[in-house]
Amino acid sequence: MPVPHPPGATFVVTTDRCPQVLGRLLGLVSQQGRMIARLDAVDTRRILRVTLSVAEIDARHAAIIAEKMRQFVTVRTVRLRAGG
């Protein structure tokens, strides 16, 4: 019987506009050995809103990544939607 994969997670991050923040957010995911399934970044001239979906990540690892995102000086908010 195959082992089921953990469901994914989606991070919705609002940050100040900074040319380095997108690379740093992606780096947090890759440091956990995960692949990004979908990425959307919208620059509104005042803020950057990033939606990052990661497949096959458990809730514990997703929570670790979300907490590390919150530690960035330029990050305003992080919402984590686990399980899909």
PDB file of N, CA and C in Angstrom:
ATOM      1  N   MET A   1       0.844  -1.183   0.000  1.00  0.00           N
ATOM      2  CA  MET A   1       0.000   0.000   0.000  1.00  0.00           C
ATOM      3  C   MET A   1       0.886   1.243   0.000  1.00  0.00           C
ATOM      4  N   PRO A   2       0.649   2.195  -0.915  1.00  0.00           N
ATOM      5  CA  PRO A   2       1.497   3.384  -0.966  1.00  0.00           C
ATOM      6  C   PRO A   2       1.289   4.284   0.248  1.00  0.00           C
ATOM      7  N   VAL A   3       2.352   4.961   0.628  1.00  0.00           N
ATOM      8  CA  VAL A   3       2.301   5.900   1.747  1.00  0.00           C
ATOM      9  C   VAL A   3       1.704   7.209   1.236  1.00  0.00           C
ATOM     10  N   PRO A   4       0.672   7.724   1.890  1.00  0.00           N
ATOM     11  CA  PRO A   4       0.072   8.974   1.415  1.00  0.00           C
ATOM     12  C   PRO A   4       1.015  10.152   1.642  1.00  0.00           C
ATOM     13  N   HIS A   5       1.009  11.079   0.699  1.00  0.00           N
ATOM     14  CA  HIS A   5       1.802  12.298   0.835  1.00  0.00           C
ATOM     15  C   HIS A   5       1.055  13.282   1.727  1.00  0.00           C
ATOM     16  N   PRO A   6       1.794  14.064   2.517  1.00  0.00           N
ATOM     17  CA  PRO A   6       1.106  15.077   3.310  1.00  0.00           C
ATOM     18  C   PRO A   6       0.483  16.124   2.378  1.00  0.00           C
ATOM     19  N   PRO A   7      -0.606  16.733   2.810  1.00  0.00           N
ATOM     20  CA  PRO A   7      -1.213  17.774   1.980  1.00  0.00           C
ATOM     21  C   PRO A   7      -0.288  18.983   1.901  1.00  0.00           C
ATOM     22  N   GLY A   8      -0.624  19.890   1.060  1.00  0.00           N
ATOM     23  CA  GLY A   8       0.190  21.084   0.886  1.00  0.00           C
ATOM     24  C   GLY A   8      -0.211  22.210   1.819  1.00  0.00           C
ATOM     25  N   ALA A   9       0.413  23.363   1.590  1.00  0.00           N
ATOM     26  CA  ALA A   9       0.120  24.562   2.365  1.00  0.00           C
ATOM     27  C   ALA A   9       0.271  25.768   1.452  1.00  0.00           C
ATOM     28  N   THR A  10      -0.477  26.811   1.771  1.00  0.00           N
ATOM     29  CA  THR A  10      -0.375  28.069   1.038  1.00  0.00           C
ATOM     30  C   THR A  10      -0.060  29.177   2.029  1.00  0.00           C
ATOM     31  N   PHE A  11       0.937  29.968   1.683  1.00  0.00           N
ATOM     32  CA  PHE A  11       1.351  31.120   2.487  1.00  0.00           C
ATOM     33  C   PHE A  11       0.926  32.379   1.745  1.00  0.00           C
ATOM     34  N   VAL A  12       0.240  33.263   2.427  1.00  0.00           N
ATOM     35  CA  VAL A  12      -0.113  34.569   1.858  1.00  0.00           C
ATOM     36  C   VAL A  12       0.628  35.610   2.682  1.00  0.00           C
ATOM     37  N   VAL A  13       1.574  36.280   2.045  1.00  0.00           N
ATOM     38  CA  VAL A  13       2.503  37.165   2.746  1.00  0.00           C
ATOM     39  C   VAL A  13       2.364  38.581   2.195  1.00  0.00           C
ATOM     40  N   THR A  14       2.251  39.541   3.084  1.00  0.00           N
ATOM     41  CA  THR A  14       2.250  40.948   2.710  1.00  0.00           C
ATOM     42  C   THR A  14       3.530  41.567   3.261  1.00  0.00           C
ATOM     43  N   THR A  15       4.279  42.226   2.385  1.00  0.00           N
ATOM     44  CA  THR A  15       5.558  42.795   2.790  1.00  0.00           C
ATOM     45  C   THR A  15       5.683  44.226   2.284  1.00  0.00           C
ATOM     46  N   ASP A  16       6.629  44.945   2.863  1.00  0.00           N
ATOM     47  CA  ASP A  16       7.039  46.210   2.276  1.00  0.00           C
ATOM     48  C   ASP A  16       7.714  45.892   0.944  1.00  0.00           C
ATOM     49  N   ARG A  17       7.727  46.851   0.047  1.00  0.00           N
ATOM     50  CA  ARG A  17       8.405  46.651  -1.238  1.00  0.00           C
ATOM     51  C   ARG A  17       9.919  46.614  -0.986  1.00  0.00           C
ATOM     52  N   CYS A  18      10.517  45.516  -1.339  1.00  0.00           N
ATOM     53  CA  CYS A  18      11.956  45.324  -1.159  1.00  0.00           C
ATOM     54  C   CYS A  18      12.422  44.355  -2.233  1.00  0.00           C
ATOM     55  N   PRO A  19      13.482  44.687  -2.966  1.00  0.00           N
ATOM     56  CA  PRO A  19      13.922  43.810  -4.047  1.00  0.00           C
ATOM     57  C   PRO A  19      14.443  42.449  -3.575  1.00  0.00           C
ATOM     58  N   GLN A  20      14.767  42.309  -2.305  1.00  0.00           N
ATOM     59  CA  GLN A  20      15.344  41.061  -1.814  1.00  0.00           C
ATOM     60  C   GLN A  20      14.333  40.128  -1.161  1.00  0.00           C
ATOM     61  N   VAL A  21      13.151  40.623  -0.825  1.00  0.00           N
ATOM     62  CA  VAL A  21      12.236  39.831  -0.004  1.00  0.00           C
ATOM     63  C   VAL A  21      11.724  38.582  -0.722  1.00  0.00           C
ATOM     64  N   LEU A  22      11.462  38.669  -2.003  1.00  0.00           N
ATOM     65  CA  LEU A  22      10.944  37.495  -2.714  1.00  0.00           C
ATOM     66  C   LEU A  22      11.959  36.353  -2.695  1.00  0.00           C
ATOM     67  N   GLY A  23      13.203  36.658  -2.960  1.00  0.00           N
ATOM     68  CA  GLY A  23      14.253  35.637  -2.906  1.00  0.00           C
ATOM     69  C   GLY A  23      14.405  35.032  -1.521  1.00  0.00           C
ATOM     70  N   ARG A  24      14.268  35.848  -0.508  1.00  0.00           N
ATOM     71  CA  ARG A  24      14.379  35.347   0.867  1.00  0.00           C
ATOM     72  C   ARG A  24      13.218  34.419   1.221  1.00  0.00           C
ATOM     73  N   LEU A  25      12.009  34.783   0.792  1.00  0.00           N
ATOM     74  CA  LEU A  25      10.858  33.916   1.050  1.00  0.00           C
ATOM     75  C   LEU A  25      11.020  32.566   0.357  1.00  0.00           C
ATOM     76  N   LEU A  26      11.460  32.593  -0.889  1.00  0.00           N
ATOM     77  CA  LEU A  26      11.684  31.344  -1.627  1.00  0.00           C
ATOM     78  C   LEU A  26      12.781  30.511  -0.968  1.00  0.00           C
ATOM     79  N   GLY A  27      13.793  31.167  -0.449  1.00  0.00           N
ATOM     80  CA  GLY A  27      14.882  30.475   0.224  1.00  0.00           C
ATOM     81  C   GLY A  27      14.422  29.705   1.449  1.00  0.00           C
ATOM     82  N   LEU A  28      13.457  30.253   2.185  1.00  0.00           N
ATOM     83  CA  LEU A  28      12.943  29.547   3.364  1.00  0.00           C
ATOM     84  C   LEU A  28      12.299  28.222   2.985  1.00  0.00           C
ATOM     85  N   VAL A  29      11.602  28.210   1.865  1.00  0.00           N
ATOM     86  CA  VAL A  29      10.962  26.981   1.406  1.00  0.00           C
ATOM     87  C   VAL A  29      12.009  25.978   0.947  1.00  0.00           C
ATOM     88  N   SER A  30      12.986  26.440   0.181  1.00  0.00           N
ATOM     89  CA  SER A  30      14.009  25.522  -0.338  1.00  0.00           C
ATOM     90  C   SER A  30      14.900  24.978   0.775  1.00  0.00           C
ATOM     91  N   GLN A  31      15.102  25.744   1.845  1.00  0.00           N
ATOM     92  CA  GLN A  31      15.899  25.260   2.977  1.00  0.00           C
ATOM     93  C   GLN A  31      15.244  24.055   3.644  1.00  0.00           C
ATOM     94  N   GLN A  32      13.932  23.935   3.521  1.00  0.00           N
ATOM     95  CA  GLN A  32      13.207  22.793   4.079  1.00  0.00           C
ATOM     96  C   GLN A  32      13.144  21.635   3.081  1.00  0.00           C
ATOM     97  N   GLY A  33      13.797  21.794   1.926  1.00  0.00           N
ATOM     98  CA  GLY A  33      13.823  20.732   0.930  1.00  0.00           C
ATOM     99  C   GLY A  33      12.503  20.567   0.195  1.00  0.00           C
ATOM    100  N   ARG A  34      11.739  21.641   0.077  1.00  0.00           N
ATOM    101  CA  ARG A  34      10.423  21.596  -0.561  1.00  0.00           C
ATOM    102  C   ARG A  34      10.447  22.316  -1.901  1.00  0.00           C
ATOM    103  N   MET A  35       9.525  21.916  -2.756  1.00  0.00           N
ATOM    104  CA  MET A  35       9.350  22.561  -4.056  1.00  0.00           C
ATOM    105  C   MET A  35       8.126  23.459  -4.002  1.00  0.00           C
ATOM    106  N   ILE A  36       8.195  24.584  -4.671  1.00  0.00           N
ATOM    107  CA  ILE A  36       7.065  25.496  -4.753  1.00  0.00           C
ATOM    108  C   ILE A  36       6.180  25.045  -5.907  1.00  0.00           C
ATOM    109  N   ALA A  37       4.912  24.820  -5.610  1.00  0.00           N
ATOM    110  CA  ALA A  37       3.962  24.366  -6.624  1.00  0.00           C
ATOM    111  C   ALA A  37       3.382  25.546  -7.397  1.00  0.00           C
ATOM    112  N   ARG A  38       3.224  26.677  -6.723  1.00  0.00           N
ATOM    113  CA  ARG A  38       2.646  27.859  -7.369  1.00  0.00           C
ATOM    114  C   ARG A  38       3.142  29.105  -6.644  1.00  0.00           C
ATOM    115  N   LEU A  39       3.382  30.152  -7.435  1.00  0.00           N
ATOM    116  CA  LEU A  39       3.865  31.417  -6.886  1.00  0.00           C
ATOM    117  C   LEU A  39       3.166  32.558  -7.598  1.00  0.00           C
ATOM    118  N   ASP A  40       2.686  33.521  -6.811  1.00  0.00           N
ATOM    119  CA  ASP A  40       2.074  34.716  -7.374  1.00  0.00           C
ATOM    120  C   ASP A  40       2.563  35.896  -6.547  1.00  0.00           C
ATOM    121  N   ALA A  41       3.081  36.917  -7.213  1.00  0.00           N
ATOM    122  CA  ALA A  41       3.542  38.120  -6.524  1.00  0.00           C
ATOM    123  C   ALA A  41       2.916  39.334  -7.195  1.00  0.00           C
ATOM    124  N   VAL A  42       2.312  40.200  -6.379  1.00  0.00           N
ATOM    125  CA  VAL A  42       1.663  41.401  -6.888  1.00  0.00           C
ATOM    126  C   VAL A  42       2.274  42.612  -6.194  1.00  0.00           C
ATOM    127  N   ASP A  43       2.816  43.520  -6.992  1.00  0.00           N
ATOM    128  CA  ASP A  43       3.414  44.761  -6.496  1.00  0.00           C
ATOM    129  C   ASP A  43       2.386  45.874  -6.663  1.00  0.00           C
ATOM    130  N   THR A  44       1.941  46.463  -5.559  1.00  0.00           N
ATOM    131  CA  THR A  44       0.927  47.506  -5.621  1.00  0.00           C
ATOM    132  C   THR A  44       1.518  48.905  -5.488  1.00  0.00           C
ATOM    133  N   ARG A  45       2.812  49.017  -5.583  1.00  0.00           N
ATOM    134  CA  ARG A  45       3.568  50.264  -5.399  1.00  0.00           C
ATOM    135  C   ARG A  45       3.755  50.630  -3.938  1.00  0.00           C
ATOM    136  N   ARG A  46       2.893  50.142  -3.064  1.00  0.00           N
ATOM    137  CA  ARG A  46       3.061  50.381  -1.634  1.00  0.00           C
ATOM    138  C   ARG A  46       3.514  49.125  -0.916  1.00  0.00           C
ATOM    139  N   ILE A  47       2.978  47.983  -1.335  1.00  0.00           N
ATOM    140  CA  ILE A  47       3.311  46.704  -0.711  1.00  0.00           C
ATOM    141  C   ILE A  47       3.517  45.644  -1.793  1.00  0.00           C
ATOM    142  N   LEU A  48       4.084  44.540  -1.380  1.00  0.00           N
ATOM    143  CA  LEU A  48       4.203  43.361  -2.223  1.00  0.00           C
ATOM    144  C   LEU A  48       3.385  42.263  -1.559  1.00  0.00           C
ATOM    145  N   ARG A  49       2.459  41.664  -2.315  1.00  0.00           N
ATOM    146  CA  ARG A  49       1.656  40.550  -1.782  1.00  0.00           C
ATOM    147  C   ARG A  49       2.087  39.277  -2.504  1.00  0.00           C
ATOM    148  N   VAL A  50       2.550  38.310  -1.751  1.00  0.00           N
ATOM    149  CA  VAL A  50       3.077  37.063  -2.302  1.00  0.00           C
ATOM    150  C   VAL A  50       2.207  35.907  -1.824  1.00  0.00           C
ATOM    151  N   THR A  51       1.779  35.079  -2.767  1.00  0.00           N
ATOM    152  CA  THR A  51       1.065  33.846  -2.441  1.00  0.00           C
ATOM    153  C   THR A  51       1.922  32.689  -2.925  1.00  0.00           C
ATOM    154  N   LEU A  52       2.297  31.841  -1.993  1.00  0.00           N
ATOM    155  CA  LEU A  52       3.219  30.728  -2.250  1.00  0.00           C
ATOM    156  C   LEU A  52       2.521  29.425  -1.888  1.00  0.00           C
ATOM    157  N   SER A  53       2.375  28.515  -2.815  1.00  0.00           N
ATOM    158  CA  SER A  53       1.796  27.206  -2.520  1.00  0.00           C
ATOM    159  C   SER A  53       2.897  26.153  -2.567  1.00  0.00           C
ATOM    160  N   VAL A  54       2.911  25.316  -1.556  1.00  0.00           N
ATOM    161  CA  VAL A  54       3.922  24.267  -1.432  1.00  0.00           C
ATOM    162  C   VAL A  54       3.198  22.933  -1.306  1.00  0.00           C
ATOM    163  N   ALA A  55       3.487  22.020  -2.202  1.00  0.00           N
ATOM    164  CA  ALA A  55       2.869  20.693  -2.162  1.00  0.00           C
ATOM    165  C   ALA A  55       3.646  19.785  -1.214  1.00  0.00           C
ATOM    166  N   GLU A  56       2.957  18.836  -0.682  1.00  0.00           N
ATOM    167  CA  GLU A  56       3.577  17.785   0.133  1.00  0.00           C
ATOM    168  C   GLU A  56       4.429  18.332   1.269  1.00  0.00           C
ATOM    169  N   ILE A  57       3.796  19.143   2.101  1.00  0.00           N
ATOM    170  CA  ILE A  57       4.465  19.638   3.306  1.00  0.00           C
ATOM    171  C   ILE A  57       3.512  19.435   4.482  1.00  0.00           C
ATOM    172  N   ASP A  58       4.044  18.946   5.579  1.00  0.00           N
ATOM    173  CA  ASP A  58       3.195  18.718   6.742  1.00  0.00           C
ATOM    174  C   ASP A  58       2.991  20.021   7.515  1.00  0.00           C
ATOM    175  N   ALA A  59       2.016  20.016   8.389  1.00  0.00           N
ATOM    176  CA  ALA A  59       1.634  21.224   9.118  1.00  0.00           C
ATOM    177  C   ALA A  59       2.776  21.766   9.976  1.00  0.00           C
ATOM    178  N   ARG A  60       3.562  20.891  10.558  1.00  0.00           N
ATOM    179  CA  ARG A  60       4.667  21.336  11.426  1.00  0.00           C
ATOM    180  C   ARG A  60       5.711  22.102  10.632  1.00  0.00           C
ATOM    181  N   HIS A  61       6.124  21.569   9.486  1.00  0.00           N
ATOM    182  CA  HIS A  61       7.120  22.264   8.671  1.00  0.00           C
ATOM    183  C   HIS A  61       6.562  23.557   8.075  1.00  0.00           C
ATOM    184  N   ALA A  62       5.286  23.551   7.717  1.00  0.00           N
ATOM    185  CA  ALA A  62       4.662  24.773   7.205  1.00  0.00           C
ATOM    186  C   ALA A  62       4.643  25.858   8.283  1.00  0.00           C
ATOM    187  N   ALA A  63       4.339  25.479   9.518  1.00  0.00           N
ATOM    188  CA  ALA A  63       4.314  26.443  10.612  1.00  0.00           C
ATOM    189  C   ALA A  63       5.708  27.010  10.885  1.00  0.00           C
ATOM    190  N   ILE A  64       6.739  26.188  10.757  1.00  0.00           N
ATOM    191  CA  ILE A  64       8.116  26.651  10.940  1.00  0.00           C
ATOM    192  C   ILE A  64       8.458  27.702   9.888  1.00  0.00           C
ATOM    193  N   ILE A  65       8.113  27.422   8.640  1.00  0.00           N
ATOM    194  CA  ILE A  65       8.389  28.372   7.563  1.00  0.00           C
ATOM    195  C   ILE A  65       7.626  29.672   7.795  1.00  0.00           C
ATOM    196  N   ALA A  66       6.350  29.583   8.168  1.00  0.00           N
ATOM    197  CA  ALA A  66       5.552  30.786   8.412  1.00  0.00           C
ATOM    198  C   ALA A  66       6.151  31.632   9.523  1.00  0.00           C
ATOM    199  N   GLU A  67       6.620  30.994  10.577  1.00  0.00           N
ATOM    200  CA  GLU A  67       7.210  31.753  11.681  1.00  0.00           C
ATOM    201  C   GLU A  67       8.514  32.429  11.254  1.00  0.00           C
ATOM    202  N   LYS A  68       9.305  31.755  10.443  1.00  0.00           N
ATOM    203  CA  LYS A  68      10.530  32.373   9.938  1.00  0.00           C
ATOM    204  C   LYS A  68      10.215  33.549   9.022  1.00  0.00           C
ATOM    205  N   MET A  69       9.149  33.439   8.240  1.00  0.00           N
ATOM    206  CA  MET A  69       8.726  34.565   7.390  1.00  0.00           C
ATOM    207  C   MET A  69       8.380  35.770   8.239  1.00  0.00           C
ATOM    208  N   ARG A  70       7.693  35.547   9.336  1.00  0.00           N
ATOM    209  CA  ARG A  70       7.272  36.640  10.222  1.00  0.00           C
ATOM    210  C   ARG A  70       8.452  37.374  10.839  1.00  0.00           C
ATOM    211  N   GLN A  71       9.608  36.744  10.883  1.00  0.00           N
ATOM    212  CA  GLN A  71      10.787  37.357  11.492  1.00  0.00           C
ATOM    213  C   GLN A  71      11.490  38.349  10.567  1.00  0.00           C
ATOM    214  N   PHE A  72      11.151  38.350   9.281  1.00  0.00           N
ATOM    215  CA  PHE A  72      11.744  39.321   8.366  1.00  0.00           C
ATOM    216  C   PHE A  72      11.240  40.712   8.703  1.00  0.00           C
ATOM    217  N   VAL A  73      12.130  41.679   8.718  1.00  0.00           N
ATOM    218  CA  VAL A  73      11.785  43.055   9.071  1.00  0.00           C
ATOM    219  C   VAL A  73      10.739  43.628   8.117  1.00  0.00           C
ATOM    220  N   THR A  74      10.826  43.303   6.836  1.00  0.00           N
ATOM    221  CA  THR A  74       9.928  43.891   5.843  1.00  0.00           C
ATOM    222  C   THR A  74       8.557  43.219   5.785  1.00  0.00           C
ATOM    223  N   VAL A  75       8.399  42.069   6.421  1.00  0.00           N
ATOM    224  CA  VAL A  75       7.126  41.338   6.360  1.00  0.00           C
ATOM    225  C   VAL A  75       6.120  41.970   7.311  1.00  0.00           C
ATOM    226  N   ARG A  76       4.938  42.250   6.786  1.00  0.00           N
ATOM    227  CA  ARG A  76       3.849  42.833   7.587  1.00  0.00           C
ATOM    228  C   ARG A  76       2.934  41.753   8.130  1.00  0.00           C
ATOM    229  N   THR A  77       2.479  40.831   7.270  1.00  0.00           N
ATOM    230  CA  THR A  77       1.566  39.771   7.707  1.00  0.00           C
ATOM    231  C   THR A  77       1.904  38.471   6.995  1.00  0.00           C
ATOM    232  N   VAL A  78       1.610  37.359   7.652  1.00  0.00           N
ATOM    233  CA  VAL A  78       1.721  36.024   7.070  1.00  0.00           C
ATOM    234  C   VAL A  78       0.472  35.254   7.469  1.00  0.00           C
ATOM    235  N   ARG A  79      -0.232  34.740   6.464  1.00  0.00           N
ATOM    236  CA  ARG A  79      -1.368  33.844   6.712  1.00  0.00           C
ATOM    237  C   ARG A  79      -0.991  32.481   6.150  1.00  0.00           C
ATOM    238  N   LEU A  80      -1.252  31.466   6.925  1.00  0.00           N
ATOM    239  CA  LEU A  80      -0.945  30.094   6.514  1.00  0.00           C
ATOM    240  C   LEU A  80      -2.243  29.323   6.374  1.00  0.00           C
ATOM    241  N   ARG A  81      -2.429  28.753   5.199  1.00  0.00           N
ATOM    242  CA  ARG A  81      -3.579  27.859   4.958  1.00  0.00           C
ATOM    243  C   ARG A  81      -3.007  26.476   4.734  1.00  0.00           C
ATOM    244  N   ALA A  82      -3.110  25.620   5.729  1.00  0.00           N
ATOM    245  CA  ALA A  82      -2.565  24.268   5.627  1.00  0.00           C
ATOM    246  C   ALA A  82      -3.629  23.317   5.108  1.00  0.00           C
ATOM    247  N   GLY A  83      -3.150  22.245   4.509  1.00  0.00           N
ATOM    248  CA  GLY A  83      -4.066  21.206   4.053  1.00  0.00           C
ATOM    249  C   GLY A  83      -4.574  21.394   2.651  1.00  0.00           C
ATOM    250  N   GLY A  84      -3.864  22.111   1.824  1.00  0.00           N
ATOM    251  CA  GLY A  84      -4.325  22.248   0.459  1.00  0.00           C
ATOM    252  C   GLY A  84      -3.801  23.383  -0.218  1.00  0.00           C
TER     253      GLY A  84
END
